[in-house]
N, C-alpha and C. Protein backbone atom coordinates (compact mmCIF):
# COMPACT_ATOMS: atom_id res chain seq x y z
N MET A 1 -40.57 24.75 29.04
CA MET A 1 -40.01 26.03 28.58
C MET A 1 -40.97 26.65 27.57
N SER A 2 -41.31 27.91 27.76
CA SER A 2 -42.27 28.55 26.89
C SER A 2 -41.65 28.87 25.55
N ASP A 3 -42.57 29.05 24.54
CA ASP A 3 -42.08 29.40 23.21
C ASP A 3 -41.41 30.75 23.21
N ALA A 4 -41.95 31.67 24.02
CA ALA A 4 -41.38 33.01 24.08
C ALA A 4 -39.96 32.97 24.62
N HIS A 5 -39.73 32.12 25.64
CA HIS A 5 -38.39 32.00 26.23
C HIS A 5 -37.44 31.37 25.24
N SER A 6 -37.93 30.34 24.50
CA SER A 6 -37.09 29.66 23.54
C SER A 6 -36.66 30.61 22.43
N SER A 7 -37.61 31.41 21.93
CA SER A 7 -37.31 32.29 20.83
C SER A 7 -36.34 33.39 21.23
N SER A 8 -36.29 33.69 22.54
CA SER A 8 -35.37 34.73 23.00
C SER A 8 -33.93 34.23 23.02
N ARG A 9 -33.74 32.91 23.03
CA ARG A 9 -32.39 32.35 23.10
C ARG A 9 -31.92 31.85 21.74
N VAL A 10 -32.84 31.37 20.90
CA VAL A 10 -32.47 30.83 19.60
C VAL A 10 -32.66 31.93 18.55
N GLN A 11 -31.57 32.36 17.95
CA GLN A 11 -31.63 33.42 16.97
C GLN A 11 -31.44 32.84 15.57
N PRO A 12 -32.41 33.08 14.68
CA PRO A 12 -32.29 32.55 13.32
C PRO A 12 -31.13 33.19 12.58
N VAL A 13 -30.47 32.39 11.75
CA VAL A 13 -29.35 32.88 10.94
C VAL A 13 -29.79 32.88 9.49
N VAL A 14 -29.87 34.06 8.90
CA VAL A 14 -30.33 34.18 7.52
C VAL A 14 -29.23 33.75 6.56
N ASN A 15 -28.00 34.17 6.83
CA ASN A 15 -26.87 33.86 5.96
C ASN A 15 -25.77 33.24 6.80
N LEU A 16 -25.56 31.94 6.62
CA LEU A 16 -24.61 31.21 7.46
C LEU A 16 -23.20 31.73 7.27
N LYS A 17 -22.84 32.04 6.04
CA LYS A 17 -21.48 32.52 5.77
C LYS A 17 -21.23 33.86 6.46
N GLU A 18 -22.20 34.74 6.43
CA GLU A 18 -22.05 36.03 7.12
C GLU A 18 -21.96 35.83 8.63
N TYR A 19 -22.73 34.88 9.15
CA TYR A 19 -22.68 34.59 10.58
C TYR A 19 -21.28 34.13 10.97
N PHE A 20 -20.73 33.17 10.24
CA PHE A 20 -19.40 32.67 10.56
C PHE A 20 -18.32 33.75 10.37
N ARG A 21 -18.49 34.60 9.38
CA ARG A 21 -17.52 35.68 9.17
C ARG A 21 -17.48 36.60 10.38
N ASP A 22 -18.67 37.02 10.83
CA ASP A 22 -18.72 37.93 11.98
C ASP A 22 -18.25 37.24 13.26
N ALA A 23 -18.69 35.98 13.44
CA ALA A 23 -18.33 35.24 14.66
C ALA A 23 -16.84 34.95 14.71
N LEU A 24 -16.26 34.55 13.58
CA LEU A 24 -14.82 34.26 13.56
C LEU A 24 -14.02 35.54 13.77
N HIS A 25 -14.45 36.62 13.15
CA HIS A 25 -13.75 37.90 13.31
C HIS A 25 -13.72 38.30 14.79
N GLY A 26 -14.85 38.11 15.46
CA GLY A 26 -14.91 38.43 16.88
C GLY A 26 -14.04 37.51 17.72
N ALA A 27 -14.03 36.22 17.38
CA ALA A 27 -13.22 35.25 18.13
C ALA A 27 -11.73 35.53 17.94
N LEU A 28 -11.34 35.89 16.73
CA LEU A 28 -9.93 36.22 16.48
C LEU A 28 -9.51 37.44 17.28
N ALA A 29 -10.42 38.41 17.36
CA ALA A 29 -10.11 39.62 18.14
C ALA A 29 -9.98 39.28 19.62
N THR A 30 -10.88 38.44 20.13
CA THR A 30 -10.83 38.05 21.54
C THR A 30 -9.54 37.31 21.86
N GLN A 31 -9.10 36.46 20.94
CA GLN A 31 -7.87 35.70 21.14
C GLN A 31 -6.61 36.48 20.73
N GLN A 32 -6.82 37.71 20.27
CA GLN A 32 -5.70 38.56 19.83
C GLN A 32 -4.85 37.85 18.78
N LEU A 33 -5.53 37.21 17.86
CA LEU A 33 -4.86 36.48 16.78
C LEU A 33 -5.06 37.23 15.48
N SER A 34 -3.97 37.62 14.85
CA SER A 34 -4.04 38.35 13.59
C SER A 34 -3.66 37.41 12.45
N VAL A 35 -4.54 37.33 11.45
CA VAL A 35 -4.26 36.53 10.26
C VAL A 35 -4.58 37.36 9.02
N GLU A 36 -4.03 36.96 7.90
CA GLU A 36 -4.30 37.65 6.65
C GLU A 36 -5.77 37.49 6.25
N ASP A 37 -6.27 38.45 5.48
CA ASP A 37 -7.67 38.41 5.06
C ASP A 37 -7.99 37.12 4.31
N GLN A 38 -7.04 36.67 3.46
CA GLN A 38 -7.29 35.45 2.68
C GLN A 38 -7.42 34.24 3.59
N THR A 39 -6.64 34.23 4.67
CA THR A 39 -6.71 33.10 5.61
C THR A 39 -8.03 33.11 6.36
N GLU A 40 -8.44 34.28 6.83
CA GLU A 40 -9.73 34.38 7.51
C GLU A 40 -10.87 33.98 6.58
N HIS A 41 -10.79 34.41 5.33
CA HIS A 41 -11.81 34.06 4.34
C HIS A 41 -11.85 32.55 4.11
N TYR A 42 -10.68 31.91 4.07
CA TYR A 42 -10.61 30.47 3.87
C TYR A 42 -11.30 29.73 5.02
N VAL A 43 -11.03 30.15 6.25
CA VAL A 43 -11.61 29.47 7.41
C VAL A 43 -13.12 29.69 7.44
N VAL A 44 -13.59 30.87 7.09
CA VAL A 44 -15.03 31.13 7.03
C VAL A 44 -15.69 30.18 6.03
N ASN A 45 -15.08 30.03 4.85
CA ASN A 45 -15.62 29.10 3.85
C ASN A 45 -15.61 27.67 4.36
N LEU A 46 -14.56 27.31 5.09
CA LEU A 46 -14.45 25.96 5.65
C LEU A 46 -15.58 25.70 6.65
N LEU A 47 -15.82 26.66 7.54
CA LEU A 47 -16.89 26.50 8.53
C LEU A 47 -18.25 26.40 7.86
N THR A 48 -18.46 27.22 6.84
CA THR A 48 -19.73 27.20 6.11
C THR A 48 -19.93 25.85 5.42
N LEU A 49 -18.87 25.33 4.82
CA LEU A 49 -18.95 24.04 4.14
C LEU A 49 -19.25 22.91 5.12
N PHE A 50 -18.49 22.85 6.23
CA PHE A 50 -18.63 21.74 7.17
C PHE A 50 -19.86 21.87 8.07
N ALA A 51 -20.59 22.99 7.96
CA ALA A 51 -21.86 23.09 8.66
C ALA A 51 -22.85 22.08 8.08
N ARG A 52 -22.58 21.61 6.87
CA ARG A 52 -23.37 20.54 6.26
C ARG A 52 -22.67 19.22 6.56
N SER A 53 -23.35 18.35 7.26
CA SER A 53 -22.72 17.10 7.72
C SER A 53 -22.22 16.25 6.56
N GLU A 54 -22.90 16.30 5.41
CA GLU A 54 -22.47 15.47 4.29
C GLU A 54 -21.13 15.92 3.73
N ALA A 55 -20.74 17.16 4.00
CA ALA A 55 -19.44 17.64 3.55
C ALA A 55 -18.34 17.24 4.52
N LEU A 56 -18.68 17.10 5.79
CA LEU A 56 -17.69 16.75 6.81
C LEU A 56 -17.46 15.24 6.89
N PHE A 57 -18.54 14.48 6.87
CA PHE A 57 -18.44 13.04 7.08
C PHE A 57 -18.35 12.28 5.76
N ASP A 58 -17.72 11.13 5.81
CA ASP A 58 -17.66 10.23 4.66
C ASP A 58 -18.79 9.22 4.76
N SER A 59 -19.35 8.86 3.61
CA SER A 59 -20.43 7.88 3.57
C SER A 59 -19.85 6.47 3.64
N THR A 60 -20.34 5.68 4.59
CA THR A 60 -19.88 4.29 4.75
C THR A 60 -21.11 3.39 4.91
N PRO A 61 -20.95 2.06 4.76
CA PRO A 61 -22.07 1.15 4.97
C PRO A 61 -22.69 1.27 6.36
N GLU A 62 -21.89 1.72 7.33
CA GLU A 62 -22.39 1.89 8.71
C GLU A 62 -23.01 3.26 8.94
N GLY A 63 -23.00 4.09 7.89
CA GLY A 63 -23.53 5.45 8.03
C GLY A 63 -22.43 6.48 7.92
N PRO A 64 -22.75 7.75 8.12
CA PRO A 64 -21.74 8.81 8.02
C PRO A 64 -20.64 8.63 9.07
N ARG A 65 -19.39 8.68 8.64
CA ARG A 65 -18.26 8.51 9.55
C ARG A 65 -17.13 9.45 9.14
N LEU A 66 -16.28 9.78 10.10
CA LEU A 66 -15.04 10.48 9.81
C LEU A 66 -13.93 9.45 9.66
N LYS A 67 -13.18 9.54 8.58
CA LYS A 67 -12.03 8.65 8.43
C LYS A 67 -10.99 9.00 9.49
N PRO A 68 -10.31 8.00 10.04
CA PRO A 68 -9.20 8.30 10.94
C PRO A 68 -8.15 9.15 10.23
N LEU A 69 -7.52 10.05 10.95
CA LEU A 69 -6.55 10.94 10.33
C LEU A 69 -5.40 10.18 9.69
N VAL A 70 -5.00 9.07 10.31
CA VAL A 70 -3.89 8.29 9.77
C VAL A 70 -4.27 7.69 8.41
N VAL A 71 -5.54 7.37 8.21
CA VAL A 71 -6.01 6.87 6.91
C VAL A 71 -5.95 7.98 5.87
N MET A 72 -6.36 9.19 6.28
CA MET A 72 -6.28 10.33 5.36
C MET A 72 -4.84 10.59 4.95
N LEU A 73 -3.93 10.50 5.91
CA LEU A 73 -2.52 10.71 5.62
C LEU A 73 -2.00 9.65 4.67
N SER A 74 -2.39 8.41 4.91
CA SER A 74 -1.96 7.30 4.05
C SER A 74 -2.46 7.50 2.62
N GLU A 75 -3.70 7.95 2.48
CA GLU A 75 -4.26 8.19 1.15
C GLU A 75 -3.50 9.30 0.43
N ALA A 76 -3.08 10.32 1.19
CA ALA A 76 -2.30 11.41 0.59
C ALA A 76 -0.94 10.91 0.13
N LEU A 77 -0.28 10.11 0.96
CA LEU A 77 1.06 9.61 0.63
C LEU A 77 1.03 8.63 -0.54
N GLU A 78 -0.10 7.92 -0.70
CA GLU A 78 -0.20 6.90 -1.75
C GLU A 78 -0.94 7.39 -2.99
N ALA A 79 -1.26 8.68 -3.02
CA ALA A 79 -2.00 9.24 -4.15
C ALA A 79 -1.20 9.09 -5.45
N ARG A 80 -1.92 8.85 -6.54
CA ARG A 80 -1.26 8.59 -7.82
C ARG A 80 -0.86 9.87 -8.54
N SER A 81 -1.45 10.98 -8.16
CA SER A 81 -1.12 12.25 -8.82
C SER A 81 -0.87 13.33 -7.77
N THR A 82 -0.17 14.38 -8.19
CA THR A 82 0.09 15.50 -7.29
C THR A 82 -1.21 16.17 -6.87
N GLY A 83 -2.15 16.28 -7.81
CA GLY A 83 -3.43 16.90 -7.50
C GLY A 83 -4.18 16.13 -6.43
N ASP A 84 -4.23 14.80 -6.55
CA ASP A 84 -4.91 13.98 -5.55
C ASP A 84 -4.20 14.09 -4.20
N ARG A 85 -2.87 14.10 -4.24
CA ARG A 85 -2.10 14.22 -3.00
C ARG A 85 -2.43 15.53 -2.29
N ASN A 86 -2.45 16.62 -3.05
CA ASN A 86 -2.74 17.92 -2.45
C ASN A 86 -4.16 17.99 -1.91
N ARG A 87 -5.10 17.43 -2.64
CA ARG A 87 -6.50 17.43 -2.17
C ARG A 87 -6.65 16.62 -0.88
N ASN A 88 -5.96 15.50 -0.79
CA ASN A 88 -6.02 14.68 0.41
C ASN A 88 -5.36 15.39 1.61
N LEU A 89 -4.26 16.07 1.36
CA LEU A 89 -3.61 16.83 2.43
C LEU A 89 -4.50 17.98 2.90
N GLN A 90 -5.16 18.64 1.94
CA GLN A 90 -6.06 19.72 2.30
C GLN A 90 -7.22 19.20 3.14
N ARG A 91 -7.76 18.07 2.75
CA ARG A 91 -8.86 17.45 3.50
C ARG A 91 -8.40 17.10 4.92
N LEU A 92 -7.21 16.57 5.04
CA LEU A 92 -6.66 16.22 6.35
C LEU A 92 -6.52 17.46 7.22
N GLY A 93 -5.97 18.53 6.66
CA GLY A 93 -5.82 19.76 7.42
C GLY A 93 -7.16 20.36 7.81
N ASP A 94 -8.09 20.39 6.85
CA ASP A 94 -9.40 20.99 7.09
C ASP A 94 -10.17 20.25 8.18
N VAL A 95 -10.22 18.93 8.09
CA VAL A 95 -10.96 18.14 9.07
C VAL A 95 -10.32 18.26 10.45
N SER A 96 -8.99 18.22 10.50
CA SER A 96 -8.29 18.34 11.78
C SER A 96 -8.61 19.68 12.44
N LEU A 97 -8.59 20.75 11.65
CA LEU A 97 -8.87 22.08 12.19
C LEU A 97 -10.29 22.18 12.71
N PHE A 98 -11.24 21.71 11.93
CA PHE A 98 -12.64 21.81 12.32
C PHE A 98 -12.94 20.97 13.55
N VAL A 99 -12.47 19.74 13.57
CA VAL A 99 -12.76 18.84 14.69
C VAL A 99 -12.09 19.34 15.97
N ALA A 100 -10.83 19.75 15.88
CA ALA A 100 -10.15 20.27 17.06
C ALA A 100 -10.80 21.57 17.54
N GLY A 101 -11.30 22.37 16.60
CA GLY A 101 -11.90 23.63 16.95
C GLY A 101 -13.27 23.51 17.59
N PHE A 102 -14.05 22.51 17.17
CA PHE A 102 -15.43 22.43 17.62
C PHE A 102 -15.72 21.26 18.56
N PHE A 103 -14.79 20.32 18.69
CA PHE A 103 -15.07 19.15 19.52
C PHE A 103 -13.96 18.89 20.53
N ALA A 104 -13.28 19.94 20.98
CA ALA A 104 -12.16 19.79 21.91
C ALA A 104 -12.57 19.08 23.19
N GLN A 105 -13.73 19.42 23.73
CA GLN A 105 -14.16 18.82 24.99
C GLN A 105 -14.48 17.33 24.83
N SER A 106 -14.92 16.93 23.64
CA SER A 106 -15.36 15.54 23.44
C SER A 106 -14.20 14.56 23.38
N PHE A 107 -12.95 15.05 23.29
CA PHE A 107 -11.79 14.16 23.23
C PHE A 107 -11.43 13.58 24.59
N ALA A 108 -12.01 14.11 25.65
CA ALA A 108 -11.66 13.66 27.00
C ALA A 108 -11.86 12.15 27.13
N ARG A 109 -10.87 11.50 27.71
CA ARG A 109 -10.89 10.06 27.98
C ARG A 109 -10.85 9.22 26.69
N LYS A 110 -10.40 9.81 25.60
CA LYS A 110 -10.20 9.05 24.37
C LYS A 110 -8.71 8.90 24.10
N LEU A 111 -8.34 7.86 23.37
CA LEU A 111 -6.94 7.59 23.11
C LEU A 111 -6.30 8.69 22.26
N ILE A 112 -7.06 9.22 21.29
CA ILE A 112 -6.57 10.27 20.42
C ILE A 112 -7.13 11.60 20.89
N ASP A 113 -6.24 12.53 21.26
CA ASP A 113 -6.69 13.78 21.84
C ASP A 113 -6.47 14.93 20.87
N ILE A 114 -6.79 16.12 21.34
CA ILE A 114 -6.75 17.31 20.49
C ILE A 114 -5.34 17.60 19.99
N ASP A 115 -4.32 17.30 20.78
CA ASP A 115 -2.95 17.59 20.35
C ASP A 115 -2.56 16.78 19.11
N TYR A 116 -3.12 15.59 18.98
CA TYR A 116 -2.88 14.75 17.80
C TYR A 116 -3.46 15.42 16.55
N HIS A 117 -4.68 15.94 16.68
CA HIS A 117 -5.31 16.62 15.55
C HIS A 117 -4.54 17.89 15.18
N ILE A 118 -4.05 18.61 16.18
CA ILE A 118 -3.28 19.82 15.92
C ILE A 118 -1.98 19.48 15.19
N ALA A 119 -1.30 18.44 15.64
CA ALA A 119 -0.05 18.04 15.01
C ALA A 119 -0.26 17.56 13.57
N MET A 120 -1.28 16.73 13.36
CA MET A 120 -1.54 16.18 12.03
C MET A 120 -2.01 17.27 11.07
N GLY A 121 -2.93 18.11 11.53
CA GLY A 121 -3.46 19.16 10.66
C GLY A 121 -2.42 20.20 10.32
N GLY A 122 -1.64 20.61 11.32
CA GLY A 122 -0.61 21.61 11.08
C GLY A 122 0.44 21.11 10.10
N ARG A 123 0.82 19.86 10.25
CA ARG A 123 1.82 19.28 9.35
C ARG A 123 1.26 19.15 7.93
N ALA A 124 0.00 18.73 7.79
CA ALA A 124 -0.61 18.59 6.47
C ALA A 124 -0.63 19.93 5.74
N TYR A 125 -1.05 20.97 6.44
CA TYR A 125 -1.06 22.31 5.83
C TYR A 125 0.35 22.76 5.48
N GLY A 126 1.33 22.43 6.32
CA GLY A 126 2.71 22.82 6.06
C GLY A 126 3.27 22.19 4.80
N VAL A 127 3.03 20.89 4.63
CA VAL A 127 3.50 20.18 3.44
C VAL A 127 2.79 20.72 2.20
N LEU A 128 1.50 21.00 2.34
CA LEU A 128 0.73 21.54 1.23
C LEU A 128 1.23 22.93 0.84
N ALA A 129 1.58 23.74 1.84
CA ALA A 129 2.11 25.08 1.57
C ALA A 129 3.40 25.01 0.77
N GLU A 130 4.26 24.06 1.12
CA GLU A 130 5.52 23.91 0.39
C GLU A 130 5.27 23.50 -1.06
N ALA A 131 4.27 22.64 -1.26
CA ALA A 131 3.96 22.17 -2.61
C ALA A 131 3.39 23.28 -3.48
N LEU A 132 2.71 24.24 -2.85
CA LEU A 132 2.06 25.33 -3.59
C LEU A 132 2.82 26.65 -3.48
N SER A 133 4.08 26.59 -3.10
CA SER A 133 4.85 27.81 -2.84
C SER A 133 5.21 28.58 -4.11
N ARG A 134 5.06 27.94 -5.26
CA ARG A 134 5.38 28.59 -6.53
C ARG A 134 4.25 28.39 -7.52
N GLY A 135 4.18 29.27 -8.48
CA GLY A 135 3.19 29.14 -9.54
C GLY A 135 1.84 29.70 -9.17
N ARG A 136 0.80 29.19 -9.85
CA ARG A 136 -0.55 29.73 -9.69
C ARG A 136 -1.14 29.48 -8.32
N GLY A 137 -0.61 28.50 -7.61
CA GLY A 137 -1.17 28.18 -6.29
C GLY A 137 -0.49 28.92 -5.16
N ARG A 138 0.32 29.93 -5.49
CA ARG A 138 1.12 30.59 -4.46
C ARG A 138 0.26 31.29 -3.40
N VAL A 139 -0.81 31.96 -3.83
CA VAL A 139 -1.67 32.67 -2.87
C VAL A 139 -2.29 31.69 -1.89
N LEU A 140 -2.82 30.59 -2.41
CA LEU A 140 -3.40 29.58 -1.53
C LEU A 140 -2.31 28.92 -0.68
N GLY A 141 -1.13 28.79 -1.24
CA GLY A 141 0.00 28.25 -0.47
C GLY A 141 0.33 29.12 0.73
N ASP A 142 0.21 30.44 0.55
CA ASP A 142 0.45 31.36 1.67
C ASP A 142 -0.59 31.17 2.77
N VAL A 143 -1.82 30.89 2.36
CA VAL A 143 -2.90 30.63 3.33
C VAL A 143 -2.58 29.39 4.15
N PHE A 144 -2.19 28.33 3.46
CA PHE A 144 -1.88 27.08 4.17
C PHE A 144 -0.64 27.24 5.05
N ALA A 145 0.32 28.05 4.60
CA ALA A 145 1.51 28.28 5.42
C ALA A 145 1.13 28.98 6.72
N GLU A 146 0.25 29.98 6.63
CA GLU A 146 -0.16 30.69 7.84
C GLU A 146 -0.98 29.78 8.76
N LEU A 147 -1.86 28.98 8.18
CA LEU A 147 -2.64 28.06 8.99
C LEU A 147 -1.75 27.02 9.67
N SER A 148 -0.70 26.60 8.99
CA SER A 148 0.24 25.65 9.58
C SER A 148 0.96 26.29 10.77
N GLN A 149 1.42 27.52 10.58
CA GLN A 149 2.17 28.21 11.63
C GLN A 149 1.29 28.59 12.82
N LYS A 150 0.01 28.87 12.56
CA LYS A 150 -0.89 29.37 13.61
C LYS A 150 -2.03 28.39 13.88
N PHE A 151 -1.77 27.11 13.66
CA PHE A 151 -2.84 26.12 13.78
C PHE A 151 -3.45 26.09 15.18
N GLN A 152 -2.58 26.00 16.19
CA GLN A 152 -3.10 25.92 17.56
C GLN A 152 -3.85 27.20 17.98
N PRO A 153 -3.30 28.40 17.73
CA PRO A 153 -4.07 29.60 18.04
C PRO A 153 -5.40 29.68 17.28
N MET A 154 -5.41 29.20 16.04
CA MET A 154 -6.67 29.19 15.29
C MET A 154 -7.66 28.22 15.93
N VAL A 155 -7.18 27.10 16.43
CA VAL A 155 -8.04 26.17 17.17
C VAL A 155 -8.63 26.88 18.39
N ASP A 156 -7.82 27.66 19.09
CA ASP A 156 -8.32 28.44 20.21
C ASP A 156 -9.45 29.36 19.78
N ALA A 157 -9.27 30.03 18.65
CA ALA A 157 -10.29 30.95 18.16
C ALA A 157 -11.59 30.20 17.83
N LEU A 158 -11.47 29.02 17.23
CA LEU A 158 -12.66 28.23 16.92
C LEU A 158 -13.31 27.69 18.19
N ASN A 159 -12.49 27.34 19.20
CA ASN A 159 -13.05 26.95 20.50
C ASN A 159 -13.87 28.10 21.07
N GLU A 160 -13.35 29.30 20.95
CA GLU A 160 -14.04 30.50 21.43
C GLU A 160 -15.37 30.67 20.70
N LEU A 161 -15.34 30.49 19.40
CA LEU A 161 -16.55 30.61 18.58
C LEU A 161 -17.57 29.54 18.97
N ALA A 162 -17.10 28.31 19.14
CA ALA A 162 -18.00 27.20 19.44
C ALA A 162 -18.64 27.32 20.81
N GLU A 163 -17.96 27.95 21.76
CA GLU A 163 -18.44 28.00 23.13
C GLU A 163 -18.92 29.39 23.54
N THR A 164 -19.35 30.17 22.56
CA THR A 164 -19.79 31.54 22.83
C THR A 164 -20.86 31.60 23.91
N ALA A 165 -21.77 30.64 23.86
CA ALA A 165 -22.88 30.67 24.81
C ALA A 165 -22.68 29.71 25.98
N TYR A 166 -21.43 29.25 26.16
CA TYR A 166 -21.17 28.24 27.18
C TYR A 166 -20.44 28.86 28.36
N THR A 167 -20.90 28.57 29.56
CA THR A 167 -20.26 29.07 30.77
C THR A 167 -19.48 27.93 31.43
N HIS A 168 -18.19 28.10 31.58
CA HIS A 168 -17.36 27.05 32.17
C HIS A 168 -17.62 26.94 33.68
N SER A 169 -17.60 25.73 34.17
CA SER A 169 -17.81 25.48 35.59
C SER A 169 -16.62 24.71 36.15
N ASP A 170 -16.67 24.42 37.44
CA ASP A 170 -15.55 23.73 38.09
C ASP A 170 -15.26 22.37 37.45
N LYS A 171 -16.29 21.70 36.95
CA LYS A 171 -16.09 20.35 36.39
C LYS A 171 -15.23 20.38 35.12
N ASP A 172 -15.09 21.57 34.51
CA ASP A 172 -14.29 21.68 33.29
C ASP A 172 -12.81 21.90 33.57
N ILE A 173 -12.46 22.19 34.81
CA ILE A 173 -11.11 22.63 35.12
C ILE A 173 -10.06 21.59 34.71
N LEU A 174 -10.28 20.33 35.05
CA LEU A 174 -9.28 19.31 34.74
C LEU A 174 -9.09 19.15 33.24
N ARG A 175 -10.19 19.20 32.49
CA ARG A 175 -10.10 19.06 31.04
C ARG A 175 -9.39 20.28 30.42
N LEU A 176 -9.71 21.46 30.90
CA LEU A 176 -9.04 22.67 30.42
C LEU A 176 -7.54 22.60 30.70
N TYR A 177 -7.19 22.14 31.90
CA TYR A 177 -5.78 22.00 32.26
C TYR A 177 -5.10 20.99 31.34
N GLU A 178 -5.79 19.89 31.06
CA GLU A 178 -5.23 18.84 30.21
C GLU A 178 -4.95 19.37 28.82
N ILE A 179 -5.89 20.14 28.26
CA ILE A 179 -5.69 20.72 26.93
C ILE A 179 -4.54 21.71 26.95
N TRP A 180 -4.49 22.55 28.00
CA TRP A 180 -3.39 23.53 28.10
C TRP A 180 -2.04 22.82 28.17
N LEU A 181 -1.95 21.76 28.96
CA LEU A 181 -0.70 21.05 29.13
C LEU A 181 -0.23 20.43 27.82
N LYS A 182 -1.19 19.92 27.02
CA LYS A 182 -0.84 19.23 25.79
C LYS A 182 -0.57 20.17 24.63
N THR A 183 -1.25 21.33 24.61
CA THR A 183 -1.18 22.19 23.43
C THR A 183 -0.61 23.58 23.70
N GLY A 184 -0.51 23.97 24.97
CA GLY A 184 -0.06 25.33 25.28
C GLY A 184 -1.09 26.38 24.96
N SER A 185 -2.36 25.99 24.91
CA SER A 185 -3.46 26.89 24.54
C SER A 185 -3.51 28.12 25.45
N ARG A 186 -3.36 29.30 24.85
CA ARG A 186 -3.48 30.54 25.62
C ARG A 186 -4.90 30.73 26.12
N ARG A 187 -5.86 30.28 25.34
CA ARG A 187 -7.26 30.42 25.74
C ARG A 187 -7.55 29.59 26.98
N CYS A 188 -7.11 28.33 27.00
CA CYS A 188 -7.32 27.48 28.17
C CYS A 188 -6.61 28.05 29.39
N TYR A 189 -5.42 28.60 29.18
CA TYR A 189 -4.68 29.22 30.29
C TYR A 189 -5.50 30.35 30.90
N ALA A 190 -6.06 31.22 30.03
CA ALA A 190 -6.85 32.35 30.52
C ALA A 190 -8.12 31.88 31.23
N LEU A 191 -8.75 30.84 30.71
CA LEU A 191 -9.97 30.32 31.34
C LEU A 191 -9.65 29.72 32.71
N LEU A 192 -8.54 29.02 32.81
CA LEU A 192 -8.13 28.45 34.09
C LEU A 192 -7.87 29.55 35.12
N LYS A 193 -7.19 30.61 34.70
CA LYS A 193 -6.93 31.72 35.61
C LYS A 193 -8.25 32.35 36.07
N ARG A 194 -9.21 32.44 35.12
CA ARG A 194 -10.51 33.02 35.44
C ARG A 194 -11.26 32.15 36.45
N LEU A 195 -11.02 30.83 36.38
CA LEU A 195 -11.68 29.90 37.30
C LEU A 195 -10.90 29.73 38.61
N GLY A 196 -9.84 30.51 38.78
CA GLY A 196 -9.10 30.50 40.05
C GLY A 196 -7.98 29.50 40.12
N VAL A 197 -7.54 28.98 38.95
CA VAL A 197 -6.45 28.00 38.93
C VAL A 197 -5.22 28.64 38.28
N ASP A 198 -4.06 28.48 38.92
CA ASP A 198 -2.81 28.97 38.36
C ASP A 198 -2.15 27.81 37.61
N PRO A 199 -2.23 27.80 36.27
CA PRO A 199 -1.75 26.64 35.52
C PRO A 199 -0.24 26.44 35.62
N THR A 200 0.15 25.35 36.24
CA THR A 200 1.54 24.92 36.32
C THR A 200 1.55 23.41 36.21
N VAL A 201 2.73 22.86 35.93
CA VAL A 201 2.82 21.40 35.88
C VAL A 201 2.48 20.80 37.22
N ALA A 202 2.90 21.46 38.30
CA ALA A 202 2.63 20.96 39.65
C ALA A 202 1.15 21.00 39.96
N ALA A 203 0.45 22.01 39.43
CA ALA A 203 -0.99 22.12 39.68
C ALA A 203 -1.75 20.94 39.12
N GLY A 204 -1.25 20.40 38.01
CA GLY A 204 -1.93 19.26 37.38
C GLY A 204 -1.99 18.05 38.30
N ALA A 205 -0.91 17.81 39.03
CA ALA A 205 -0.89 16.68 39.95
C ALA A 205 -1.92 16.87 41.06
N GLN A 206 -2.09 18.10 41.51
CA GLN A 206 -3.07 18.39 42.56
C GLN A 206 -4.49 18.24 42.05
N LEU A 207 -4.74 18.67 40.78
CA LEU A 207 -6.07 18.58 40.21
C LEU A 207 -6.47 17.13 39.97
N ALA A 208 -5.51 16.27 39.70
CA ALA A 208 -5.80 14.87 39.38
C ALA A 208 -6.25 14.08 40.61
N HIS A 209 -6.02 14.63 41.80
CA HIS A 209 -6.35 13.89 43.03
C HIS A 209 -7.56 14.50 43.68
């Protein structure tokens, strides 16, 4: 591949935060998902932060790793202070959202799938929203409440952002159907229709054979 061809496909990003802001705004519009400005701003900051692997992964003797979500939940429940509990819940919600949004395809054939991350992350944000519903944390509590209520649609928007340059083919149909069946993803439903599949429970049995 020539350098000229490579440079035509790889576009340098001068400001990562601005890139994610524009890309997320476009993905939300494509998915017809409306969120408050504070919520959109929060997700942009989250994407910018987790673009650095050291912010996403935990350091372990075996190298950078993601803690299992159940461990994050346990740490939140066993936290000695309200502040630690809230920080652990926020971390659980943030990681669940990012991983489900950017690695949906990689869950195929694994015991823990995207619906687990959606359930865990949505619940973590919901509990956090209740804890911050009064006082100085009320504005941030509103953000977490909206993310809890719209967790799955936001995952769809992040899937859209992550796969901007990706063209779906026939080999993706079964995985798209699986995600739609587990999460009710409107985006997966639309992609399946575009690929000539009418998503129904009965269709899944036909696709599996």
